[in-house]
Full PDB file with SEQRES, HELIX, SHEET, SSBOND, CRYST1, ORIGX, SCALE, CONECT and MASTER records, all heavy atoms in Angstrom:
SEQRES   1 A   39  LYS PRO TRP SER LYS TYR ASP LYS VAL LYS PHE LEU CYS          
SEQRES   2 A   39  PRO VAL PRO GLY TYR ASP ARG HIS PHE ALA ILE CYS GLU          
SEQRES   3 A   39  GLU PHE GLY ILE GLU MET ILE ASN ILE ALA MET ASP SER          
HELIX    1 AA1 TRP A    3  LYS A    5  5                                   3    
HELIX    2 AA2 ASP A   19  GLU A   27  1                                   9    
SHEET    1 AA1 2 LYS A  10  VAL A  15  0                                        
SHEET    2 AA1 2 GLU A  31  ALA A  36  1                                        
CRYST1    1.000    1.000    1.000  90.00  90.00  90.00 P 1           1          
ORIGX1      1.000000  0.000000  0.000000        0.00000                         
ORIGX2      0.000000  1.000000  0.000000        0.00000                         
ORIGX3      0.000000  0.000000  1.000000        0.00000                         
SCALE1      1.000000  0.000000  0.000000        0.00000                         
SCALE2      0.000000  1.000000  0.000000        0.00000                         
SCALE3      0.000000  0.000000  1.000000        0.00000                         
ATOM      1  N   LYS A   1       8.518-260.317  25.444  1.00  0.00           N  
ATOM      2  CA  LYS A   1       7.474-261.363  25.172  1.00  0.00           C  
ATOM      3  C   LYS A   1       6.102-260.646  25.172  1.00  0.00           C  
ATOM      4  O   LYS A   1       5.946-259.644  25.866  1.00  0.00           O  
ATOM      5  CB  LYS A   1       7.559-262.479  26.078  1.00  0.00           C  
ATOM      6  CG  LYS A   1       7.003-262.232  27.604  1.00  0.00           C  
ATOM      7  CD  LYS A   1       7.062-263.467  28.314  1.00  0.00           C  
ATOM      8  CE  LYS A   1       6.623-263.286  29.722  1.00  0.00           C  
ATOM      9  NZ  LYS A   1       6.664-264.551  30.591  1.00  0.00           N  
ATOM     10  N   PRO A   2       5.164-261.135  24.408  1.00  0.00           N  
ATOM     11  CA  PRO A   2       3.875-260.592  24.345  1.00  0.00           C  
ATOM     12  C   PRO A   2       3.233-260.506  25.724  1.00  0.00           C  
ATOM     13  O   PRO A   2       3.340-261.399  26.564  1.00  0.00           O  
ATOM     14  CB  PRO A   2       3.077-261.533  23.493  1.00  0.00           C  
ATOM     15  CG  PRO A   2       4.125-262.192  22.655  1.00  0.00           C  
ATOM     16  CD  PRO A   2       5.360-262.392  23.443  1.00  0.00           C  
ATOM     17  N   TRP A   3       2.492-259.472  26.007  1.00  0.00           N  
ATOM     18  CA  TRP A   3       1.782-259.178  27.269  1.00  0.00           C  
ATOM     19  C   TRP A   3       0.867-260.329  27.518  1.00  0.00           C  
ATOM     20  O   TRP A   3       0.581-260.741  28.628  1.00  0.00           O  
ATOM     21  CB  TRP A   3       1.103-257.911  27.328  1.00  0.00           C  
ATOM     22  CG  TRP A   3       2.039-256.643  27.321  1.00  0.00           C  
ATOM     23  CD1 TRP A   3       3.501-256.734  27.274  1.00  0.00           C  
ATOM     24  CD2 TRP A   3       1.716-255.335  27.245  1.00  0.00           C  
ATOM     25  NE1 TRP A   3       4.005-255.453  27.257  1.00  0.00           N  
ATOM     26  CE2 TRP A   3       2.916-254.577  27.241  1.00  0.00           C  
ATOM     27  CE3 TRP A   3       0.540-254.651  27.339  1.00  0.00           C  
ATOM     28  CZ2 TRP A   3       2.937-253.140  27.290  1.00  0.00           C  
ATOM     29  CZ3 TRP A   3       0.421-253.313  27.295  1.00  0.00           C  
ATOM     30  CH2 TRP A   3       1.693-252.473  27.331  1.00  0.00           C  
ATOM     31  N   SER A   4       0.229-260.923  26.519  1.00  0.00           N  
ATOM     32  CA  SER A   4      -0.673-262.001  26.720  1.00  0.00           C  
ATOM     33  C   SER A   4      -0.018-263.195  27.247  1.00  0.00           C  
ATOM     34  O   SER A   4      -0.781-264.121  27.754  1.00  0.00           O  
ATOM     35  CB  SER A   4      -1.383-262.340  25.449  1.00  0.00           C  
ATOM     36  OG  SER A   4      -0.401-262.733  24.346  1.00  0.00           O  
ATOM     37  N   LYS A   5       1.202-263.370  27.277  1.00  0.00           N  
ATOM     38  CA  LYS A   5       1.965-264.537  27.809  1.00  0.00           C  
ATOM     39  C   LYS A   5       2.211-264.514  29.272  1.00  0.00           C  
ATOM     40  O   LYS A   5       2.609-265.421  29.917  1.00  0.00           O  
ATOM     41  CB  LYS A   5       3.343-264.697  27.061  1.00  0.00           C  
ATOM     42  CG  LYS A   5       3.276-264.935  25.645  1.00  0.00           C  
ATOM     43  CD  LYS A   5       2.484-266.114  25.191  1.00  0.00           C  
ATOM     44  CE  LYS A   5       2.483-266.319  23.738  1.00  0.00           C  
ATOM     45  NZ  LYS A   5       1.724-267.591  23.256  1.00  0.00           N  
ATOM     46  N   TYR A   6       1.851-263.318  29.861  1.00  0.00           N  
ATOM     47  CA  TYR A   6       1.899-263.245  31.340  1.00  0.00           C  
ATOM     48  C   TYR A   6       0.566-263.678  31.938  1.00  0.00           C  
ATOM     49  O   TYR A   6      -0.505-263.609  31.390  1.00  0.00           O  
ATOM     50  CB  TYR A   6       2.125-261.780  31.739  1.00  0.00           C  
ATOM     51  CG  TYR A   6       3.545-261.181  31.467  1.00  0.00           C  
ATOM     52  CD1 TYR A   6       3.778-260.635  30.226  1.00  0.00           C  
ATOM     53  CD2 TYR A   6       4.511-261.185  32.471  1.00  0.00           C  
ATOM     54  CE1 TYR A   6       5.011-260.185  29.972  1.00  0.00           C  
ATOM     55  CE2 TYR A   6       5.727-260.693  32.114  1.00  0.00           C  
ATOM     56  CZ  TYR A   6       6.043-260.211  30.855  1.00  0.00           C  
ATOM     57  OH  TYR A   6       7.323-259.667  30.656  1.00  0.00           O  
ATOM     58  N   ASP A   7       0.687-264.263  33.184  1.00  0.00           N  
ATOM     59  CA  ASP A   7      -0.541-264.561  33.910  1.00  0.00           C  
ATOM     60  C   ASP A   7      -1.440-263.400  34.269  1.00  0.00           C  
ATOM     61  O   ASP A   7      -2.632-263.418  34.155  1.00  0.00           O  
ATOM     62  CB  ASP A   7      -0.147-265.348  35.160  1.00  0.00           C  
ATOM     63  CG  ASP A   7       0.331-266.646  35.035  1.00  0.00           C  
ATOM     64  OD1 ASP A   7       0.147-267.202  33.894  1.00  0.00           O  
ATOM     65  OD2 ASP A   7       1.119-267.147  35.841  1.00  0.00           O  
ATOM     66  N   LYS A   8      -0.712-262.205  34.437  1.00  0.00           N  
ATOM     67  CA  LYS A   8      -1.424-261.018  34.779  1.00  0.00           C  
ATOM     68  C   LYS A   8      -0.604-259.900  34.272  1.00  0.00           C  
ATOM     69  O   LYS A   8       0.590-259.816  34.408  1.00  0.00           O  
ATOM     70  CB  LYS A   8      -1.647-260.918  36.237  1.00  0.00           C  
ATOM     71  CG  LYS A   8      -2.432-259.603  36.684  1.00  0.00           C  
ATOM     72  CD  LYS A   8      -3.843-259.523  36.184  1.00  0.00           C  
ATOM     73  CE  LYS A   8      -4.740-260.560  36.787  1.00  0.00           C  
ATOM     74  NZ  LYS A   8      -6.123-260.395  36.355  1.00  0.00           N  
ATOM     75  N   VAL A   9      -1.267-258.891  33.609  1.00  0.00           N  
ATOM     76  CA  VAL A   9      -0.616-257.662  33.218  1.00  0.00           C  
ATOM     77  C   VAL A   9      -1.341-256.504  33.884  1.00  0.00           C  
ATOM     78  O   VAL A   9      -2.681-256.502  33.932  1.00  0.00           O  
ATOM     79  CB  VAL A   9      -0.605-257.426  31.629  1.00  0.00           C  
ATOM     80  CG1 VAL A   9      -0.158-256.078  31.273  1.00  0.00           C  
ATOM     81  CG2 VAL A   9       0.319-258.485  31.010  1.00  0.00           C  
ATOM     82  N   LYS A  10      -0.670-255.513  34.219  1.00  0.00           N  
ATOM     83  CA  LYS A  10      -1.357-254.400  35.091  1.00  0.00           C  
ATOM     84  C   LYS A  10      -0.983-253.037  34.523  1.00  0.00           C  
ATOM     85  O   LYS A  10       0.074-252.815  33.839  1.00  0.00           O  
ATOM     86  CB  LYS A  10      -0.822-254.430  36.515  1.00  0.00           C  
ATOM     87  CG  LYS A  10      -0.958-255.662  37.333  1.00  0.00           C  
ATOM     88  CD  LYS A  10      -0.319-255.702  38.573  1.00  0.00           C  
ATOM     89  CE  LYS A  10      -0.152-257.142  39.173  1.00  0.00           C  
ATOM     90  NZ  LYS A  10       0.713-257.260  40.287  1.00  0.00           N  
ATOM     91  N   PHE A  11      -1.947-252.168  34.657  1.00  0.00           N  
ATOM     92  CA  PHE A  11      -1.790-250.705  34.258  1.00  0.00           C  
ATOM     93  C   PHE A  11      -2.017-249.789  35.371  1.00  0.00           C  
ATOM     94  O   PHE A  11      -2.986-250.081  36.319  1.00  0.00           O  
ATOM     95  CB  PHE A  11      -2.761-250.396  33.032  1.00  0.00           C  
ATOM     96  CG  PHE A  11      -2.043-250.219  31.725  1.00  0.00           C  
ATOM     97  CD1 PHE A  11      -1.301-251.200  31.199  1.00  0.00           C  
ATOM     98  CD2 PHE A  11      -2.075-248.897  31.077  1.00  0.00           C  
ATOM     99  CE1 PHE A  11      -0.745-251.004  29.965  1.00  0.00           C  
ATOM    100  CE2 PHE A  11      -1.451-248.776  29.850  1.00  0.00           C  
ATOM    101  CZ  PHE A  11      -0.830-249.822  29.321  1.00  0.00           C  
ATOM    102  N   LEU A  12      -1.330-248.735  35.518  1.00  0.00           N  
ATOM    103  CA  LEU A  12      -1.597-247.708  36.448  1.00  0.00           C  
ATOM    104  C   LEU A  12      -2.507-246.675  35.865  1.00  0.00           C  
ATOM    105  O   LEU A  12      -2.428-246.218  34.798  1.00  0.00           O  
ATOM    106  CB  LEU A  12      -0.304-247.003  36.978  1.00  0.00           C  
ATOM    107  CG  LEU A  12       0.751-247.883  37.453  1.00  0.00           C  
ATOM    108  CD1 LEU A  12       1.970-247.081  37.910  1.00  0.00           C  
ATOM    109  CD2 LEU A  12       0.267-248.792  38.611  1.00  0.00           C  
ATOM    110  N   CYS A  13      -3.526-246.287  36.742  1.00  0.00           N  
ATOM    111  CA  CYS A  13      -4.634-245.452  36.298  1.00  0.00           C  
ATOM    112  C   CYS A  13      -4.862-244.255  37.157  1.00  0.00           C  
ATOM    113  O   CYS A  13      -5.474-244.346  38.231  1.00  0.00           O  
ATOM    114  CB  CYS A  13      -5.940-246.268  36.132  1.00  0.00           C  
ATOM    115  SG  CYS A  13      -5.869-247.632  34.970  1.00  0.00           S  
ATOM    116  N   PRO A  14      -4.333-243.100  36.873  1.00  0.00           N  
ATOM    117  CA  PRO A  14      -4.611-241.824  37.674  1.00  0.00           C  
ATOM    118  C   PRO A  14      -6.075-241.684  37.686  1.00  0.00           C  
ATOM    119  O   PRO A  14      -6.775-241.722  36.604  1.00  0.00           O  
ATOM    120  CB  PRO A  14      -3.870-240.749  36.839  1.00  0.00           C  
ATOM    121  CG  PRO A  14      -2.688-241.524  36.276  1.00  0.00           C  
ATOM    122  CD  PRO A  14      -3.258-242.801  35.749  1.00  0.00           C  
ATOM    123  N   VAL A  15      -6.642-241.332  38.910  1.00  0.00           N  
ATOM    124  CA  VAL A  15      -8.104-241.165  39.086  1.00  0.00           C  
ATOM    125  C   VAL A  15      -8.419-239.917  39.842  1.00  0.00           C  
ATOM    126  O   VAL A  15      -7.640-239.466  40.673  1.00  0.00           O  
ATOM    127  CB  VAL A  15      -8.666-242.350  39.806  1.00  0.00           C  
ATOM    128  CG1 VAL A  15      -8.679-243.594  38.885  1.00  0.00           C  
ATOM    129  CG2 VAL A  15      -8.094-242.625  41.119  1.00  0.00           C  
ATOM    130  N   PRO A  16      -9.501-239.220  39.439  1.00  0.00           N  
ATOM    131  CA  PRO A  16     -10.415-239.634  38.408  1.00  0.00           C  
ATOM    132  C   PRO A  16      -9.724-239.483  36.960  1.00  0.00           C  
ATOM    133  O   PRO A  16      -8.868-238.682  36.757  1.00  0.00           O  
ATOM    134  CB  PRO A  16     -11.561-238.640  38.536  1.00  0.00           C  
ATOM    135  CG  PRO A  16     -10.940-237.481  39.255  1.00  0.00           C  
ATOM    136  CD  PRO A  16      -9.972-238.041  40.084  1.00  0.00           C  
ATOM    137  N   GLY A  17     -10.189-240.332  36.049  1.00  0.00           N  
ATOM    138  CA  GLY A  17      -9.598-240.331  34.733  1.00  0.00           C  
ATOM    139  C   GLY A  17     -10.619-240.566  33.676  1.00  0.00           C  
ATOM    140  O   GLY A  17     -11.835-240.440  33.765  1.00  0.00           O  
ATOM    141  N   TYR A  18     -10.044-241.015  32.397  1.00  0.00           N  
ATOM    142  CA  TYR A  18     -10.827-241.102  31.227  1.00  0.00           C  
ATOM    143  C   TYR A  18     -11.460-242.510  31.105  1.00  0.00           C  
ATOM    144  O   TYR A  18     -10.676-243.520  31.086  1.00  0.00           O  
ATOM    145  CB  TYR A  18      -9.928-240.727  30.012  1.00  0.00           C  
ATOM    146  CG  TYR A  18     -10.574-240.764  28.700  1.00  0.00           C  
ATOM    147  CD1 TYR A  18     -11.917-240.513  28.487  1.00  0.00           C  
ATOM    148  CD2 TYR A  18      -9.804-241.071  27.617  1.00  0.00           C  
ATOM    149  CE1 TYR A  18     -12.429-240.493  27.284  1.00  0.00           C  
ATOM    150  CE2 TYR A  18     -10.332-240.999  26.305  1.00  0.00           C  
ATOM    151  CZ  TYR A  18     -11.657-240.754  26.096  1.00  0.00           C  
ATOM    152  OH  TYR A  18     -12.204-240.809  24.892  1.00  0.00           O  
ATOM    153  N   ASP A  19     -12.716-242.604  31.051  1.00  0.00           N  
ATOM    154  CA  ASP A  19     -13.355-243.892  31.005  1.00  0.00           C  
ATOM    155  C   ASP A  19     -12.988-244.773  29.874  1.00  0.00           C  
ATOM    156  O   ASP A  19     -12.964-246.010  29.934  1.00  0.00           O  
ATOM    157  CB  ASP A  19     -14.889-243.785  31.123  1.00  0.00           C  
ATOM    158  CG  ASP A  19     -15.531-242.784  30.064  1.00  0.00           C  
ATOM    159  OD1 ASP A  19     -14.688-242.024  29.430  1.00  0.00           O  
ATOM    160  OD2 ASP A  19     -16.709-242.940  29.750  1.00  0.00           O  
ATOM    161  N   ARG A  20     -12.715-244.215  28.678  1.00  0.00           N  
ATOM    162  CA  ARG A  20     -12.323-244.995  27.528  1.00  0.00           C  
ATOM    163  C   ARG A  20     -10.909-245.621  27.685  1.00  0.00           C  
ATOM    164  O   ARG A  20     -10.636-246.676  27.039  1.00  0.00           O  
ATOM    165  CB  ARG A  20     -12.512-244.186  26.215  1.00  0.00           C  
ATOM    166  CG  ARG A  20     -13.932-243.754  25.962  1.00  0.00           C  
ATOM    167  CD  ARG A  20     -14.077-243.171  24.586  1.00  0.00           C  
ATOM    168  NE  ARG A  20     -15.465-242.725  24.359  1.00  0.00           N  
ATOM    169  CZ  ARG A  20     -16.542-243.390  23.997  1.00  0.00           C  
ATOM    170  NH1 ARG A  20     -16.378-244.655  23.858  1.00  0.00           N  
ATOM    171  NH2 ARG A  20     -17.698-242.829  23.852  1.00  0.00           N  
ATOM    172  N   HIS A  21     -10.069-244.974  28.376  1.00  0.00           N  
ATOM    173  CA  HIS A  21      -8.748-245.593  28.681  1.00  0.00           C  
ATOM    174  C   HIS A  21      -9.067-246.929  29.517  1.00  0.00           C  
ATOM    175  O   HIS A  21      -8.477-247.985  29.216  1.00  0.00           O  
ATOM    176  CB  HIS A  21      -7.861-244.713  29.547  1.00  0.00           C  
ATOM    177  CG  HIS A  21      -7.352-243.566  28.819  1.00  0.00           C  
ATOM    178  ND1 HIS A  21      -6.777-242.479  29.483  1.00  0.00           N  
ATOM    179  CD2 HIS A  21      -7.141-243.309  27.495  1.00  0.00           C  
ATOM    180  CE1 HIS A  21      -6.292-241.595  28.572  1.00  0.00           C  
ATOM    181  NE2 HIS A  21      -6.558-242.036  27.425  1.00  0.00           N  
ATOM    182  N   PHE A  22      -9.824-246.866  30.463  1.00  0.00           N  
ATOM    183  CA  PHE A  22     -10.224-247.968  31.364  1.00  0.00           C  
ATOM    184  C   PHE A  22     -10.947-249.056  30.559  1.00  0.00           C  
ATOM    185  O   PHE A  22     -10.679-250.219  30.770  1.00  0.00           O  
ATOM    186  CB  PHE A  22     -11.111-247.553  32.505  1.00  0.00           C  
ATOM    187  CG  PHE A  22     -10.508-246.278  33.275  1.00  0.00           C  
ATOM    188  CD1 PHE A  22     -11.351-245.454  33.877  1.00  0.00           C  
ATOM    189  CD2 PHE A  22      -9.161-246.103  33.418  1.00  0.00           C  
ATOM    190  CE1 PHE A  22     -10.888-244.386  34.616  1.00  0.00           C  
ATOM    191  CE2 PHE A  22      -8.656-245.040  34.025  1.00  0.00           C  
ATOM    192  CZ  PHE A  22      -9.543-244.200  34.704  1.00  0.00           C  
ATOM    193  N   ALA A  23     -11.755-248.697  29.543  1.00  0.00           N  
ATOM    194  CA  ALA A  23     -12.487-249.645  28.795  1.00  0.00           C  
ATOM    195  C   ALA A  23     -11.499-250.396  27.894  1.00  0.00           C  
ATOM    196  O   ALA A  23     -11.680-251.760  27.731  1.00  0.00           O  
ATOM    197  CB  ALA A  23     -13.438-248.945  27.817  1.00  0.00           C  
ATOM    198  N   ILE A  24     -10.388-249.815  27.423  1.00  0.00           N  
ATOM    199  CA  ILE A  24      -9.436-250.602  26.676  1.00  0.00           C  
ATOM    200  C   ILE A  24      -8.732-251.686  27.509  1.00  0.00           C  
ATOM    201  O   ILE A  24      -8.580-252.798  27.132  1.00  0.00           O  
ATOM    202  CB  ILE A  24      -8.346-249.643  26.085  1.00  0.00           C  
ATOM    203  CG1 ILE A  24      -8.877-248.817  25.051  1.00  0.00           C  
ATOM    204  CG2 ILE A  24      -7.172-250.495  25.540  1.00  0.00           C  
ATOM    205  CD1 ILE A  24      -7.962-247.719  24.469  1.00  0.00           C  
ATOM    206  N   CYS A  25      -8.426-251.284  28.733  1.00  0.00           N  
ATOM    207  CA  CYS A  25      -7.835-252.268  29.757  1.00  0.00           C  
ATOM    208  C   CYS A  25      -8.762-253.406  29.932  1.00  0.00           C  
ATOM    209  O   CYS A  25      -8.422-254.568  29.963  1.00  0.00           O  
ATOM    210  CB  CYS A  25      -7.506-251.606  31.022  1.00  0.00           C  
ATOM    211  SG  CYS A  25      -5.889-250.608  30.963  1.00  0.00           S  
ATOM    212  N   GLU A  26     -10.035-253.109  30.172  1.00  0.00           N  
ATOM    213  CA  GLU A  26     -11.060-254.098  30.474  1.00  0.00           C  
ATOM    214  C   GLU A  26     -11.177-255.072  29.221  1.00  0.00           C  
ATOM    215  O   GLU A  26     -11.257-256.305  29.444  1.00  0.00           O  
ATOM    216  CB  GLU A  26     -12.392-253.576  30.800  1.00  0.00           C  
ATOM    217  CG  GLU A  26     -12.428-253.034  32.297  1.00  0.00           C  
ATOM    218  CD  GLU A  26     -13.864-252.886  32.647  1.00  0.00           C  
ATOM    219  OE1 GLU A  26     -14.492-253.954  33.002  1.00  0.00           O  
ATOM    220  OE2 GLU A  26     -14.426-251.782  32.773  1.00  0.00           O  
ATOM    221  N   GLU A  27     -11.093-254.494  28.035  1.00  0.00           N  
ATOM    222  CA  GLU A  27     -11.225-255.321  26.869  1.00  0.00           C  
ATOM    223  C   GLU A  27     -10.142-256.376  26.776  1.00  0.00           C  
ATOM    224  O   GLU A  27     -10.435-257.491  26.387  1.00  0.00           O  
ATOM    225  CB  GLU A  27     -11.112-254.395  25.576  1.00  0.00           C  
ATOM    226  CG  GLU A  27     -11.152-254.934  24.307  1.00  0.00           C  
ATOM    227  CD  GLU A  27     -12.433-255.283  23.719  1.00  0.00           C  
ATOM    228  OE1 GLU A  27     -13.445-255.277  24.534  1.00  0.00           O  
ATOM    229  OE2 GLU A  27     -12.539-255.521  22.494  1.00  0.00           O  
ATOM    230  N   PHE A  28      -8.942-256.011  27.139  1.00  0.00           N  
ATOM    231  CA  PHE A  28      -7.842-256.972  27.072  1.00  0.00           C  
ATOM    232  C   PHE A  28      -7.518-257.667  28.379  1.00  0.00           C  
ATOM    233  O   PHE A  28      -6.499-258.380  28.454  1.00  0.00           O  
ATOM    234  CB  PHE A  28      -6.579-256.192  26.573  1.00  0.00           C  
ATOM    235  CG  PHE A  28      -6.590-255.753  25.179  1.00  0.00           C  
ATOM    236  CD1 PHE A  28      -6.976-254.463  24.818  1.00  0.00           C  
ATOM    237  CD2 PHE A  28      -6.409-256.696  24.145  1.00  0.00           C  
ATOM    238  CE1 PHE A  28      -7.010-254.135  23.429  1.00  0.00           C  
ATOM    239  CE2 PHE A  28      -6.359-256.259  22.858  1.00  0.00           C  
ATOM    240  CZ  PHE A  28      -6.719-255.032  22.501  1.00  0.00           C  
ATOM    241  N   GLY A  29      -8.393-257.501  29.413  1.00  0.00           N  
ATOM    242  CA  GLY A  29      -8.184-258.262  30.611  1.00  0.00           C  
ATOM    243  C   GLY A  29      -6.896-257.650  31.436  1.00  0.00           C  
ATOM    244  O   GLY A  29      -6.380-258.390  32.218  1.00  0.00           O  
ATOM    245  N   ILE A  30      -6.664-256.414  31.303  1.00  0.00           N  
ATOM    246  CA  ILE A  30      -5.460-255.795  31.982  1.00  0.00           C  
ATOM    247  C   ILE A  30      -6.019-255.304  33.381  1.00  0.00           C  
ATOM    248  O   ILE A  30      -6.972-254.565  33.421  1.00  0.00           O  
ATOM    249  CB  ILE A  30      -4.914-254.684  31.189  1.00  0.00           C  
ATOM    250  CG1 ILE A  30      -4.269-255.243  29.918  1.00  0.00           C  
ATOM    251  CG2 ILE A  30      -3.846-253.950  31.968  1.00  0.00           C  
ATOM    252  CD1 ILE A  30      -3.850-254.091  28.960  1.00  0.00           C  
ATOM    253  N   GLU A  31      -5.329-255.759  34.407  1.00  0.00           N  
ATOM    254  CA  GLU A  31      -5.626-255.274  35.722  1.00  0.00           C  
ATOM    255  C   GLU A  31      -5.400-253.789  35.870  1.00  0.00           C  
ATOM    256  O   GLU A  31      -4.265-253.385  35.528  1.00  0.00           O  
ATOM    257  CB  GLU A  31      -5.079-256.167  36.800  1.00  0.00           C  
ATOM    258  CG  GLU A  31      -5.280-255.678  38.224  1.00  0.00           C  
ATOM    259  CD  GLU A  31      -4.646-256.560  39.235  1.00  0.00           C  
ATOM    260  OE1 GLU A  31      -4.402-257.799  38.963  1.00  0.00           O  
ATOM    261  OE2 GLU A  31      -4.208-255.980  40.227  1.00  0.00           O  
ATOM    262  N   MET A  32      -6.207-253.032  36.496  1.00  0.00           N  
ATOM    263  CA  MET A  32      -5.992-251.590  36.658  1.00  0.00           C  
ATOM    264  C   MET A  32      -5.857-251.230  38.179  1.00  0.00           C  
ATOM    265  O   MET A  32      -6.594-251.761  39.029  1.00  0.00           O  
ATOM    266  CB  MET A  32      -7.220-250.785  36.111  1.00  0.00           C  
ATOM    267  CG  MET A  32      -7.319-250.854  34.605  1.00  0.00           C  
ATOM    268  SD  MET A  32      -8.716-249.995  33.914  1.00  0.00           S  
ATOM    269  CE  MET A  32     -10.060-251.271  34.090  1.00  0.00           C  
ATOM    270  N   ILE A  33      -4.853-250.418  38.421  1.00  0.00           N  
ATOM    271  CA  ILE A  33      -4.445-249.905  39.791  1.00  0.00           C  
ATOM    272  C   ILE A  33      -4.750-248.448  39.865  1.00  0.00           C  
ATOM    273  O   ILE A  33      -4.160-247.660  39.010  1.00  0.00           O  
ATOM    274  CB  ILE A  33      -3.035-250.266  40.114  1.00  0.00           C  
ATOM    275  CG1 ILE A  33      -2.811-251.791  39.945  1.00  0.00           C  
ATOM    276  CG2 ILE A  33      -2.607-249.754  41.524  1.00  0.00           C  
ATOM    277  CD1 ILE A  33      -1.273-252.197  40.030  1.00  0.00           C  
ATOM    278  N   ASN A  34      -5.606-248.000  40.728  1.00  0.00           N  
ATOM    279  CA  ASN A  34      -5.829-246.542  40.999  1.00  0.00           C  
ATOM    280  C   ASN A  34      -4.603-245.835  41.473  1.00  0.00           C  
ATOM    281  O   ASN A  34      -3.992-246.352  42.421  1.00  0.00           O  
ATOM    282  CB  ASN A  34      -7.018-246.425  41.896  1.00  0.00           C  
ATOM    283  CG  ASN A  34      -8.357-246.892  41.366  1.00  0.00           C  
ATOM    284  OD1 ASN A  34      -8.435-247.370  40.282  1.00  0.00           O  
ATOM    285  ND2 ASN A  34      -9.357-246.619  42.127  1.00  0.00           N  
ATOM    286  N   ILE A  35      -4.414-244.637  40.890  1.00  0.00           N  
ATOM    287  CA  ILE A  35      -3.314-243.747  41.359  1.00  0.00           C  
ATOM    288  C   ILE A  35      -4.001-242.405  41.701  1.00  0.00           C  
ATOM    289  O   ILE A  35      -4.531-241.794  40.832  1.00  0.00           O  
ATOM    290  CB  ILE A  35      -2.209-243.592  40.353  1.00  0.00           C  
ATOM    291  CG1 ILE A  35      -1.559-245.006  40.055  1.00  0.00           C  
ATOM    292  CG2 ILE A  35      -1.158-242.591  40.837  1.00  0.00           C  
ATOM    293  CD1 ILE A  35      -0.798-245.577  41.173  1.00  0.00           C  
ATOM    294  N   ALA A  36      -3.777-241.908  42.895  1.00  0.00           N  
ATOM    295  CA  ALA A  36      -4.432-240.654  43.284  1.00  0.00           C  
ATOM    296  C   ALA A  36      -3.815-239.527  42.478  1.00  0.00           C  
ATOM    297  O   ALA A  36      -2.611-239.566  42.087  1.00  0.00           O  
ATOM    298  CB  ALA A  36      -4.257-240.491  44.748  1.00  0.00           C  
ATOM    299  N   MET A  37      -4.679-238.479  42.274  1.00  0.00           N  
ATOM    300  CA  MET A  37      -4.150-237.276  41.667  1.00  0.00           C  
ATOM    301  C   MET A  37      -4.345-236.090  42.626  1.00  0.00           C  
ATOM    302  O   MET A  37      -5.141-236.079  43.453  1.00  0.00           O  
ATOM    303  CB  MET A  37      -5.066-237.016  40.402  1.00  0.00           C  
ATOM    304  CG  MET A  37      -4.883-237.926  39.319  1.00  0.00           C  
ATOM    305  SD  MET A  37      -3.808-237.300  38.013  1.00  0.00           S  
ATOM    306  CE  MET A  37      -4.720-236.116  37.186  1.00  0.00           C  
ATOM    307  N   ASP A  38      -3.370-235.128  42.467  1.00  0.00           N  
ATOM    308  CA  ASP A  38      -3.488-233.804  43.157  1.00  0.00           C  
ATOM    309  C   ASP A  38      -3.272-232.706  42.145  1.00  0.00           C  
ATOM    310  O   ASP A  38      -3.308-232.950  40.904  1.00  0.00           O  
ATOM    311  CB  ASP A  38      -2.567-233.799  44.400  1.00  0.00           C  
ATOM    312  CG  ASP A  38      -1.087-233.819  43.986  1.00  0.00           C  
ATOM    313  OD1 ASP A  38      -0.742-233.504  42.896  1.00  0.00           O  
ATOM    314  OD2 ASP A  38      -0.336-234.140  44.919  1.00  0.00           O  
ATOM    315  N   SER A  39      -3.068-231.494  42.550  1.00  0.00           N  
ATOM    316  CA  SER A  39      -2.921-230.298  41.648  1.00  0.00           C  
ATOM    317  C   SER A  39      -1.685-230.380  40.871  1.00  0.00           C  
ATOM    318  O   SER A  39      -1.574-229.619  39.854  1.00  0.00           O  
ATOM    319  CB  SER A  39      -3.003-229.106  42.460  1.00  0.00           C  
ATOM    320  OG  SER A  39      -1.838-229.024  43.444  1.00  0.00           O  
TER     321      SER A  39                                                      
MASTER        0    0    0    2    2    0    0    6  320    1    0    3          
END                                                                             
C-alpha cells in the first residue's frame, strides 16, 4: 500500500549525512531516525 496510507513512515539516516536526503524526507513528512557512523 502507498506509504501515505500509514499514520507514520520512517527512514533511517546515517549521520553525519547529506542534507538534501533529509530535505526529501521532510518534504514528505517522513520521520527520520539517526544512525551512528564509524569507519
